[in-house]
Amino acid sequence: MGETTYLIDSRTNVIHQLNPIGAVIWGQLVDAKSVADLVALLDSAFADIEREVIQRDVEALIDELLDAELIVRCP
């Protein structure tokens, strides 16, 4: 919907809202091999944002998605 992406957890009926950057991360989870890959992708797309900020934000979103059991870590 617009620039907001919603994830619906069918197990709990909880709706999770992602901002545009979160939506980009969500869309790249299938192809990205690591958090470092996600950070590199966003760093090249958003040159005006410091890499450390991108790193922190990516890690925070991944942690939230893991905590909500919307994603799992691959071995």
PDB file of N, CA and C in Angstrom:
ATOM      1  N   MET A   1       0.846  -1.178   0.000  1.00  0.00           N
ATOM      2  CA  MET A   1       0.000   0.000   0.000  1.00  0.00           C
ATOM      3  C   MET A   1       0.894   1.244   0.000  1.00  0.00           C
ATOM      4  N   GLY A   2       0.887   1.963  -1.067  1.00  0.00           N
ATOM      5  CA  GLY A   2       1.714   3.152  -1.127  1.00  0.00           C
ATOM      6  C   GLY A   2       3.172   2.801  -0.949  1.00  0.00           C
ATOM      7  N   GLU A   3       3.827   3.509  -0.062  1.00  0.00           N
ATOM      8  CA  GLU A   3       5.243   3.254   0.202  1.00  0.00           C
ATOM      9  C   GLU A   3       5.450   2.391   1.433  1.00  0.00           C
ATOM     10  N   THR A   4       4.388   1.854   1.962  1.00  0.00           N
ATOM     11  CA  THR A   4       4.484   1.013   3.150  1.00  0.00           C
ATOM     12  C   THR A   4       4.195  -0.424   2.771  1.00  0.00           C
ATOM     13  N   THR A   5       4.990  -1.325   3.310  1.00  0.00           N
ATOM     14  CA  THR A   5       4.786  -2.755   3.095  1.00  0.00           C
ATOM     15  C   THR A   5       4.305  -3.364   4.395  1.00  0.00           C
ATOM     16  N   TYR A   6       3.302  -4.216   4.285  1.00  0.00           N
ATOM     17  CA  TYR A   6       2.765  -4.889   5.457  1.00  0.00           C
ATOM     18  C   TYR A   6       3.031  -6.379   5.349  1.00  0.00           C
ATOM     19  N   LEU A   7       3.480  -6.968   6.455  1.00  0.00           N
ATOM     20  CA  LEU A   7       3.654  -8.405   6.549  1.00  0.00           C
ATOM     21  C   LEU A   7       2.605  -8.914   7.527  1.00  0.00           C
ATOM     22  N   ILE A   8       1.864  -9.923   7.125  1.00  0.00           N
ATOM     23  CA  ILE A   8       0.839 -10.486   7.996  1.00  0.00           C
ATOM     24  C   ILE A   8       1.277 -11.872   8.418  1.00  0.00           C
ATOM     25  N   ASP A   9       1.421 -12.042   9.718  1.00  0.00           N
ATOM     26  CA  ASP A   9       1.788 -13.343  10.266  1.00  0.00           C
ATOM     27  C   ASP A   9       0.511 -14.157  10.399  1.00  0.00           C
ATOM     28  N   SER A  10       0.343 -15.132   9.526  1.00  0.00           N
ATOM     29  CA  SER A  10      -0.890 -15.920   9.513  1.00  0.00           C
ATOM     30  C   SER A  10      -1.053 -16.792  10.757  1.00  0.00           C
ATOM     31  N   ARG A  11       0.044 -17.017  11.485  1.00  0.00           N
ATOM     32  CA  ARG A  11      -0.054 -17.818  12.707  1.00  0.00           C
ATOM     33  C   ARG A  11      -0.688 -17.026  13.838  1.00  0.00           C
ATOM     34  N   THR A  12      -0.410 -15.725  13.872  1.00  0.00           N
ATOM     35  CA  THR A  12      -0.851 -14.898  14.998  1.00  0.00           C
ATOM     36  C   THR A  12      -1.801 -13.774  14.583  1.00  0.00           C
ATOM     37  N   ASN A  13      -1.970 -13.584  13.271  1.00  0.00           N
ATOM     38  CA  ASN A  13      -2.755 -12.483  12.719  1.00  0.00           C
ATOM     39  C   ASN A  13      -2.200 -11.118  13.094  1.00  0.00           C
ATOM     40  N   VAL A  14      -0.929 -11.049  13.410  1.00  0.00           N
ATOM     41  CA  VAL A  14      -0.269  -9.789  13.715  1.00  0.00           C
ATOM     42  C   VAL A  14       0.209  -9.176  12.401  1.00  0.00           C
ATOM     43  N   ILE A  15       0.000  -7.879  12.258  1.00  0.00           N
ATOM     44  CA  ILE A  15       0.436  -7.162  11.071  1.00  0.00           C
ATOM     45  C   ILE A  15       1.695  -6.377  11.421  1.00  0.00           C
ATOM     46  N   HIS A  16       2.721  -6.552  10.603  1.00  0.00           N
ATOM     47  CA  HIS A  16       3.995  -5.850  10.786  1.00  0.00           C
ATOM     48  C   HIS A  16       4.139  -4.849   9.640  1.00  0.00           C
ATOM     49  N   GLN A  17       4.508  -3.630   9.982  1.00  0.00           N
ATOM     50  CA  GLN A  17       4.637  -2.571   8.994  1.00  0.00           C
ATOM     51  C   GLN A  17       6.112  -2.288   8.722  1.00  0.00           C
ATOM     52  N   LEU A  18       6.476  -2.260   7.430  1.00  0.00           N
ATOM     53  CA  LEU A  18       7.848  -1.950   7.036  1.00  0.00           C
ATOM     54  C   LEU A  18       7.866  -0.622   6.289  1.00  0.00           C
ATOM     55  N   ASN A  19       8.840   0.214   6.610  1.00  0.00           N
ATOM     56  CA  ASN A  19       9.015   1.448   5.851  1.00  0.00           C
ATOM     57  C   ASN A  19       9.657   1.093   4.511  1.00  0.00           C
ATOM     58  N   PRO A  20       9.851   2.066   3.607  1.00  0.00           N
ATOM     59  CA  PRO A  20      10.407   1.733   2.289  1.00  0.00           C
ATOM     60  C   PRO A  20      11.759   1.030   2.333  1.00  0.00           C
ATOM     61  N   ILE A  21      12.635   1.421   3.243  1.00  0.00           N
ATOM     62  CA  ILE A  21      13.939   0.759   3.345  1.00  0.00           C
ATOM     63  C   ILE A  21      13.755  -0.676   3.851  1.00  0.00           C
ATOM     64  N   GLY A  22      12.883  -0.848   4.843  1.00  0.00           N
ATOM     65  CA  GLY A  22      12.592  -2.187   5.347  1.00  0.00           C
ATOM     66  C   GLY A  22      12.020  -3.078   4.263  1.00  0.00           C
ATOM     67  N   ALA A  23      11.211  -2.499   3.395  1.00  0.00           N
ATOM     68  CA  ALA A  23      10.635  -3.263   2.291  1.00  0.00           C
ATOM     69  C   ALA A  23      11.720  -3.708   1.314  1.00  0.00           C
ATOM     70  N   VAL A  24      12.702  -2.845   1.063  1.00  0.00           N
ATOM     71  CA  VAL A  24      13.820  -3.218   0.195  1.00  0.00           C
ATOM     72  C   VAL A  24      14.586  -4.380   0.816  1.00  0.00           C
ATOM     73  N   ILE A  25      14.848  -4.276   2.119  1.00  0.00           N
ATOM     74  CA  ILE A  25      15.560  -5.355   2.811  1.00  0.00           C
ATOM     75  C   ILE A  25      14.761  -6.645   2.719  1.00  0.00           C
ATOM     76  N   TRP A  26      13.481  -6.582   3.008  1.00  0.00           N
ATOM     77  CA  TRP A  26      12.608  -7.754   2.940  1.00  0.00           C
ATOM     78  C   TRP A  26      12.685  -8.399   1.552  1.00  0.00           C
ATOM     79  N   GLY A  27      12.626  -7.572   0.523  1.00  0.00           N
ATOM     80  CA  GLY A  27      12.667  -8.071  -0.840  1.00  0.00           C
ATOM     81  C   GLY A  27      13.994  -8.693  -1.227  1.00  0.00           C
ATOM     82  N   GLN A  28      15.052  -8.336  -0.533  1.00  0.00           N
ATOM     83  CA  GLN A  28      16.376  -8.847  -0.858  1.00  0.00           C
ATOM     84  C   GLN A  28      16.778 -10.062  -0.023  1.00  0.00           C
ATOM     85  N   LEU A  29      15.971 -10.437   0.944  1.00  0.00           N
ATOM     86  CA  LEU A  29      16.352 -11.536   1.830  1.00  0.00           C
ATOM     87  C   LEU A  29      16.551 -12.852   1.086  1.00  0.00           C
ATOM     88  N   VAL A  30      15.851 -13.055   0.006  1.00  0.00           N
ATOM     89  CA  VAL A  30      15.990 -14.298  -0.750  1.00  0.00           C
ATOM     90  C   VAL A  30      17.358 -14.373  -1.420  1.00  0.00           C
ATOM     91  N   ASP A  31      17.841 -13.241  -1.924  1.00  0.00           N
ATOM     92  CA  ASP A  31      19.093 -13.231  -2.678  1.00  0.00           C
ATOM     93  C   ASP A  31      20.322 -12.938  -1.828  1.00  0.00           C
ATOM     94  N   ALA A  32      20.155 -12.181  -0.760  1.00  0.00           N
ATOM     95  CA  ALA A  32      21.307 -11.780   0.061  1.00  0.00           C
ATOM     96  C   ALA A  32      21.862 -12.992   0.797  1.00  0.00           C
ATOM     97  N   LYS A  33      23.160 -13.076   0.853  1.00  0.00           N
ATOM     98  CA  LYS A  33      23.808 -14.190   1.538  1.00  0.00           C
ATOM     99  C   LYS A  33      24.108 -13.865   2.999  1.00  0.00           C
ATOM    100  N   SER A  34      24.136 -12.567   3.316  1.00  0.00           N
ATOM    101  CA  SER A  34      24.494 -12.171   4.678  1.00  0.00           C
ATOM    102  C   SER A  34      24.021 -10.747   4.950  1.00  0.00           C
ATOM    103  N   VAL A  35      24.123 -10.365   6.207  1.00  0.00           N
ATOM    104  CA  VAL A  35      23.833  -8.987   6.583  1.00  0.00           C
ATOM    105  C   VAL A  35      24.787  -8.057   5.845  1.00  0.00           C
ATOM    106  N   ALA A  36      26.026  -8.475   5.701  1.00  0.00           N
ATOM    107  CA  ALA A  36      27.011  -7.657   4.985  1.00  0.00           C
ATOM    108  C   ALA A  36      26.569  -7.407   3.540  1.00  0.00           C
ATOM    109  N   ASP A  37      25.954  -8.399   2.900  1.00  0.00           N
ATOM    110  CA  ASP A  37      25.440  -8.211   1.540  1.00  0.00           C
ATOM    111  C   ASP A  37      24.342  -7.159   1.513  1.00  0.00           C
ATOM    112  N   LEU A  38      23.440  -7.224   2.483  1.00  0.00           N
ATOM    113  CA  LEU A  38      22.366  -6.239   2.564  1.00  0.00           C
ATOM    114  C   LEU A  38      22.922  -4.837   2.788  1.00  0.00           C
ATOM    115  N   VAL A  39      23.887  -4.733   3.689  1.00  0.00           N
ATOM    116  CA  VAL A  39      24.494  -3.434   3.995  1.00  0.00           C
ATOM    117  C   VAL A  39      25.177  -2.880   2.744  1.00  0.00           C
ATOM    118  N   ALA A  40      25.905  -3.712   2.021  1.00  0.00           N
ATOM    119  CA  ALA A  40      26.592  -3.264   0.809  1.00  0.00           C
ATOM    120  C   ALA A  40      25.593  -2.781  -0.239  1.00  0.00           C
ATOM    121  N   LEU A  41      24.495  -3.503  -0.403  1.00  0.00           N
ATOM    122  CA  LEU A  41      23.466  -3.115  -1.359  1.00  0.00           C
ATOM    123  C   LEU A  41      22.885  -1.747  -1.004  1.00  0.00           C
ATOM    124  N   LEU A  42      22.520  -1.579   0.261  1.00  0.00           N
ATOM    125  CA  LEU A  42      21.923  -0.312   0.688  1.00  0.00           C
ATOM    126  C   LEU A  42      22.941   0.818   0.678  1.00  0.00           C
ATOM    127  N   ASP A  43      24.186   0.505   1.001  1.00  0.00           N
ATOM    128  CA  ASP A  43      25.232   1.522   1.007  1.00  0.00           C
ATOM    129  C   ASP A  43      25.435   2.078  -0.401  1.00  0.00           C
ATOM    130  N   SER A  44      25.359   1.227  -1.406  1.00  0.00           N
ATOM    131  CA  SER A  44      25.517   1.711  -2.775  1.00  0.00           C
ATOM    132  C   SER A  44      24.290   2.486  -3.248  1.00  0.00           C
ATOM    133  N   ALA A  45      23.118   2.130  -2.734  1.00  0.00           N
ATOM    134  CA  ALA A  45      21.887   2.812  -3.140  1.00  0.00           C
ATOM    135  C   ALA A  45      21.663   4.126  -2.397  1.00  0.00           C
ATOM    136  N   PHE A  46      22.177   4.223  -1.174  1.00  0.00           N
ATOM    137  CA  PHE A  46      21.943   5.399  -0.336  1.00  0.00           C
ATOM    138  C   PHE A  46      23.283   5.968   0.118  1.00  0.00           C
ATOM    139  N   ALA A  47      23.996   6.536  -0.825  1.00  0.00           N
ATOM    140  CA  ALA A  47      25.343   7.049  -0.549  1.00  0.00           C
ATOM    141  C   ALA A  47      25.354   8.181   0.476  1.00  0.00           C
ATOM    142  N   ASP A  48      24.219   8.841   0.669  1.00  0.00           N
ATOM    143  CA  ASP A  48      24.158   9.960   1.610  1.00  0.00           C
ATOM    144  C   ASP A  48      23.987   9.514   3.065  1.00  0.00           C
ATOM    145  N   ILE A  49      23.802   8.223   3.284  1.00  0.00           N
ATOM    146  CA  ILE A  49      23.639   7.692   4.646  1.00  0.00           C
ATOM    147  C   ILE A  49      24.920   6.959   5.041  1.00  0.00           C
ATOM    148  N   GLU A  50      25.408   7.245   6.235  1.00  0.00           N
ATOM    149  CA  GLU A  50      26.644   6.605   6.692  1.00  0.00           C
ATOM    150  C   GLU A  50      26.471   5.096   6.782  1.00  0.00           C
ATOM    151  N   ARG A  51      27.506   4.377   6.383  1.00  0.00           N
ATOM    152  CA  ARG A  51      27.468   2.904   6.382  1.00  0.00           C
ATOM    153  C   ARG A  51      27.162   2.353   7.773  1.00  0.00           C
ATOM    154  N   GLU A  52      27.677   2.993   8.816  1.00  0.00           N
ATOM    155  CA  GLU A  52      27.425   2.519  10.181  1.00  0.00           C
ATOM    156  C   GLU A  52      25.940   2.604  10.535  1.00  0.00           C
ATOM    157  N   VAL A  53      25.274   3.638  10.050  1.00  0.00           N
ATOM    158  CA  VAL A  53      23.832   3.791  10.286  1.00  0.00           C
ATOM    159  C   VAL A  53      23.079   2.693   9.551  1.00  0.00           C
ATOM    160  N   ILE A  54      23.465   2.448   8.313  1.00  0.00           N
ATOM    161  CA  ILE A  54      22.835   1.379   7.543  1.00  0.00           C
ATOM    162  C   ILE A  54      23.041   0.036   8.228  1.00  0.00           C
ATOM    163  N   GLN A  55      24.257  -0.235   8.670  1.00  0.00           N
ATOM    164  CA  GLN A  55      24.574  -1.490   9.365  1.00  0.00           C
ATOM    165  C   GLN A  55      23.682  -1.668  10.599  1.00  0.00           C
ATOM    166  N   ARG A  56      23.592  -0.624  11.401  1.00  0.00           N
ATOM    167  CA  ARG A  56      22.786  -0.689  12.620  1.00  0.00           C
ATOM    168  C   ARG A  56      21.315  -0.940  12.292  1.00  0.00           C
ATOM    169  N   ASP A  57      20.803  -0.218  11.291  1.00  0.00           N
ATOM    170  CA  ASP A  57      19.389  -0.362  10.939  1.00  0.00           C
ATOM    171  C   ASP A  57      19.077  -1.733  10.348  1.00  0.00           C
ATOM    172  N   VAL A  58      19.970  -2.253   9.515  1.00  0.00           N
ATOM    173  CA  VAL A  58      19.765  -3.583   8.944  1.00  0.00           C
ATOM    174  C   VAL A  58      19.773  -4.635  10.053  1.00  0.00           C
ATOM    175  N   GLU A  59      20.739  -4.555  10.941  1.00  0.00           N
ATOM    176  CA  GLU A  59      20.806  -5.526  12.041  1.00  0.00           C
ATOM    177  C   GLU A  59      19.569  -5.442  12.928  1.00  0.00           C
ATOM    178  N   ALA A  60      19.089  -4.235  13.189  1.00  0.00           N
ATOM    179  CA  ALA A  60      17.897  -4.070  14.032  1.00  0.00           C
ATOM    180  C   ALA A  60      16.679  -4.699  13.359  1.00  0.00           C
ATOM    181  N   LEU A  61      16.510  -4.474  12.062  1.00  0.00           N
ATOM    182  CA  LEU A  61      15.361  -5.063  11.367  1.00  0.00           C
ATOM    183  C   LEU A  61      15.466  -6.581  11.331  1.00  0.00           C
ATOM    184  N   ILE A  62      16.642  -7.101  11.035  1.00  0.00           N
ATOM    185  CA  ILE A  62      16.823  -8.556  11.016  1.00  0.00           C
ATOM    186  C   ILE A  62      16.496  -9.141  12.389  1.00  0.00           C
ATOM    187  N   ASP A  63      16.959  -8.501  13.454  1.00  0.00           N
ATOM    188  CA  ASP A  63      16.656  -8.968  14.807  1.00  0.00           C
ATOM    189  C   ASP A  63      15.151  -8.962  15.071  1.00  0.00           C
ATOM    190  N   GLU A  64      14.463  -7.905  14.638  1.00  0.00           N
ATOM    191  CA  GLU A  64      13.007  -7.828  14.830  1.00  0.00           C
ATOM    192  C   GLU A  64      12.292  -8.929  14.057  1.00  0.00           C
ATOM    193  N   LEU A  65      12.712  -9.169  12.823  1.00  0.00           N
ATOM    194  CA  LEU A  65      12.093 -10.221  12.020  1.00  0.00           C
ATOM    195  C   LEU A  65      12.355 -11.601  12.609  1.00  0.00           C
ATOM    196  N   LEU A  66      13.565 -11.814  13.139  1.00  0.00           N
ATOM    197  CA  LEU A  66      13.879 -13.078  13.807  1.00  0.00           C
ATOM    198  C   LEU A  66      13.041 -13.254  15.066  1.00  0.00           C
ATOM    199  N   ASP A  67      12.954 -12.192  15.881  1.00  0.00           N
ATOM    200  CA  ASP A  67      12.173 -12.257  17.122  1.00  0.00           C
ATOM    201  C   ASP A  67      10.704 -12.562  16.845  1.00  0.00           C
ATOM    202  N   ALA A  68      10.170 -12.008  15.748  1.00  0.00           N
ATOM    203  CA  ALA A  68       8.780 -12.241  15.384  1.00  0.00           C
ATOM    204  C   ALA A  68       8.593 -13.569  14.656  1.00  0.00           C
ATOM    205  N   GLU A  69       9.693 -14.278  14.437  1.00  0.00           N
ATOM    206  CA  GLU A  69       9.715 -15.556  13.729  1.00  0.00           C
ATOM    207  C   GLU A  69       9.159 -15.436  12.306  1.00  0.00           C
ATOM    208  N   LEU A  70       9.432 -14.283  11.691  1.00  0.00           N
ATOM    209  CA  LEU A  70       9.052 -14.074  10.293  1.00  0.00           C
ATOM    210  C   LEU A  70      10.148 -14.550   9.345  1.00  0.00           C
ATOM    211  N   ILE A  71      11.352 -14.680   9.891  1.00  0.00           N
ATOM    212  CA  ILE A  71      12.479 -15.255   9.161  1.00  0.00           C
ATOM    213  C   ILE A  71      13.235 -16.179  10.101  1.00  0.00           C
ATOM    214  N   VAL A  72      14.057 -17.025   9.524  1.00  0.00           N
ATOM    215  CA  VAL A  72      14.944 -17.889  10.304  1.00  0.00           C
ATOM    216  C   VAL A  72      16.339 -17.768   9.710  1.00  0.00           C
ATOM    217  N   ARG A  73      17.341 -17.979  10.556  1.00  0.00           N
ATOM    218  CA  ARG A  73      18.727 -17.962  10.085  1.00  0.00           C
ATOM    219  C   ARG A  73      19.023 -19.263   9.362  1.00  0.00           C
ATOM    220  N   CYS A  74      19.678 -19.131   8.231  1.00  0.00           N
ATOM    221  CA  CYS A  74      20.130 -20.317   7.510  1.00  0.00           C
ATOM    222  C   CYS A  74      21.499 -20.707   8.039  1.00  0.00           C
ATOM    223  N   PRO A  75      21.758 -22.006   8.104  1.00  0.00           N
ATOM    224  CA  PRO A  75      23.069 -22.445   8.602  1.00  0.00           C
ATOM    225  C   PRO A  75      24.206 -22.025   7.701  1.00  0.00           C
TER     226      PRO A  75
END
